[in-house]
Protein backbone atom coordinates (compact mmCIF):
# COMPACT_ATOMS: atom_id res chain seq x y z
CA MET A 1 144.80 -53.60 -61.85
CA SER A 2 144.67 -54.46 -58.16
CA LYS A 3 142.45 -52.70 -55.67
CA LEU A 4 145.52 -51.01 -54.17
CA GLU A 5 146.68 -49.78 -57.56
CA LYS A 6 143.22 -48.32 -58.19
CA ILE A 7 143.29 -46.51 -54.85
CA GLU A 8 146.79 -45.20 -55.49
CA ASN A 9 145.69 -43.90 -58.89
CA GLU A 10 142.66 -42.18 -57.38
CA VAL A 11 144.79 -40.55 -54.67
CA ARG A 12 147.22 -39.25 -57.29
CA HIS A 13 144.35 -37.46 -58.98
CA LEU A 14 142.89 -35.75 -55.90
CA SER A 15 142.87 -31.98 -55.75
CA THR A 16 144.93 -30.29 -53.06
CA GLU A 17 141.82 -29.82 -50.92
CA GLU A 18 140.68 -33.41 -51.45
CA LEU A 19 144.13 -34.73 -50.61
CA ALA A 20 144.18 -32.72 -47.37
CA ALA A 21 140.75 -34.09 -46.43
CA PHE A 22 141.84 -37.63 -47.33
CA ARG A 23 145.00 -37.22 -45.26
CA ASP A 24 142.96 -36.10 -42.25
CA TRP A 25 140.50 -38.98 -42.69
CA PHE A 26 143.26 -41.56 -43.11
CA ARG A 27 145.19 -40.28 -40.09
CA GLU A 28 142.07 -40.76 -37.94
CA PHE A 29 141.28 -44.13 -39.55
CA ASP A 30 144.84 -45.37 -38.96
CA ALA A 31 144.89 -44.13 -35.35
CA GLU A 32 141.64 -45.93 -34.59
CA ALA A 33 142.95 -49.15 -36.15
CA TRP A 34 146.13 -48.85 -34.08
CA ASP A 35 144.10 -48.28 -30.91
CA ARG A 36 142.00 -51.39 -31.62
CA GLU A 37 145.15 -53.45 -32.20
CA ILE A 38 146.79 -52.27 -28.98
CA GLU A 39 143.57 -52.86 -27.04
CA PHE A 40 143.29 -56.39 -28.47
CA ASP A 41 146.93 -57.17 -27.70
CA ALA A 42 146.61 -55.80 -24.17
CA SER A 43 143.44 -57.78 -23.44
CA ALA A 44 145.09 -60.92 -24.87
CA GLY A 45 148.03 -60.50 -22.48
CA LYS A 46 150.54 -59.86 -25.25
CA LEU A 47 151.90 -56.77 -23.45
CA ASP A 48 152.12 -58.29 -19.97
CA ALA A 49 155.82 -59.19 -20.24
CA LEU A 50 156.67 -55.65 -21.33
CA ALA A 51 154.66 -54.17 -18.48
CA ASP A 52 156.35 -56.50 -15.99
CA ARG A 53 159.80 -55.50 -17.26
CA ALA A 54 158.92 -51.81 -16.98
CA LEU A 55 157.57 -52.21 -13.46
CA ASP A 56 160.65 -54.20 -12.41
CA ALA A 57 162.91 -51.47 -13.80
CA HIS A 58 160.91 -48.82 -11.96
CA ARG A 59 161.06 -50.72 -8.66
CA ALA A 60 164.83 -51.09 -9.14
CA GLY A 61 165.17 -47.31 -9.50
CA LYS A 62 166.15 -47.51 -13.18
CA THR A 63 163.55 -45.01 -14.39
CA THR A 64 163.51 -41.24 -14.55
CA PRO A 65 160.54 -38.92 -13.94
CA LEU A 66 158.88 -37.43 -16.99
């Protein structure tokens, strides 16, 4: 049995309260991982082309206020 299969099995056997707590923990864990990935990509310049396109569109009047 793989590590993932073991985790899946454990999650299936959580009580309602434990599952809610796990869900909250995982949501926070996943959000932090996503933030680290975006921060890494931004610092590596991987988002520069997207930012440039957005700024060009804004300067050309192709954006709408939020």
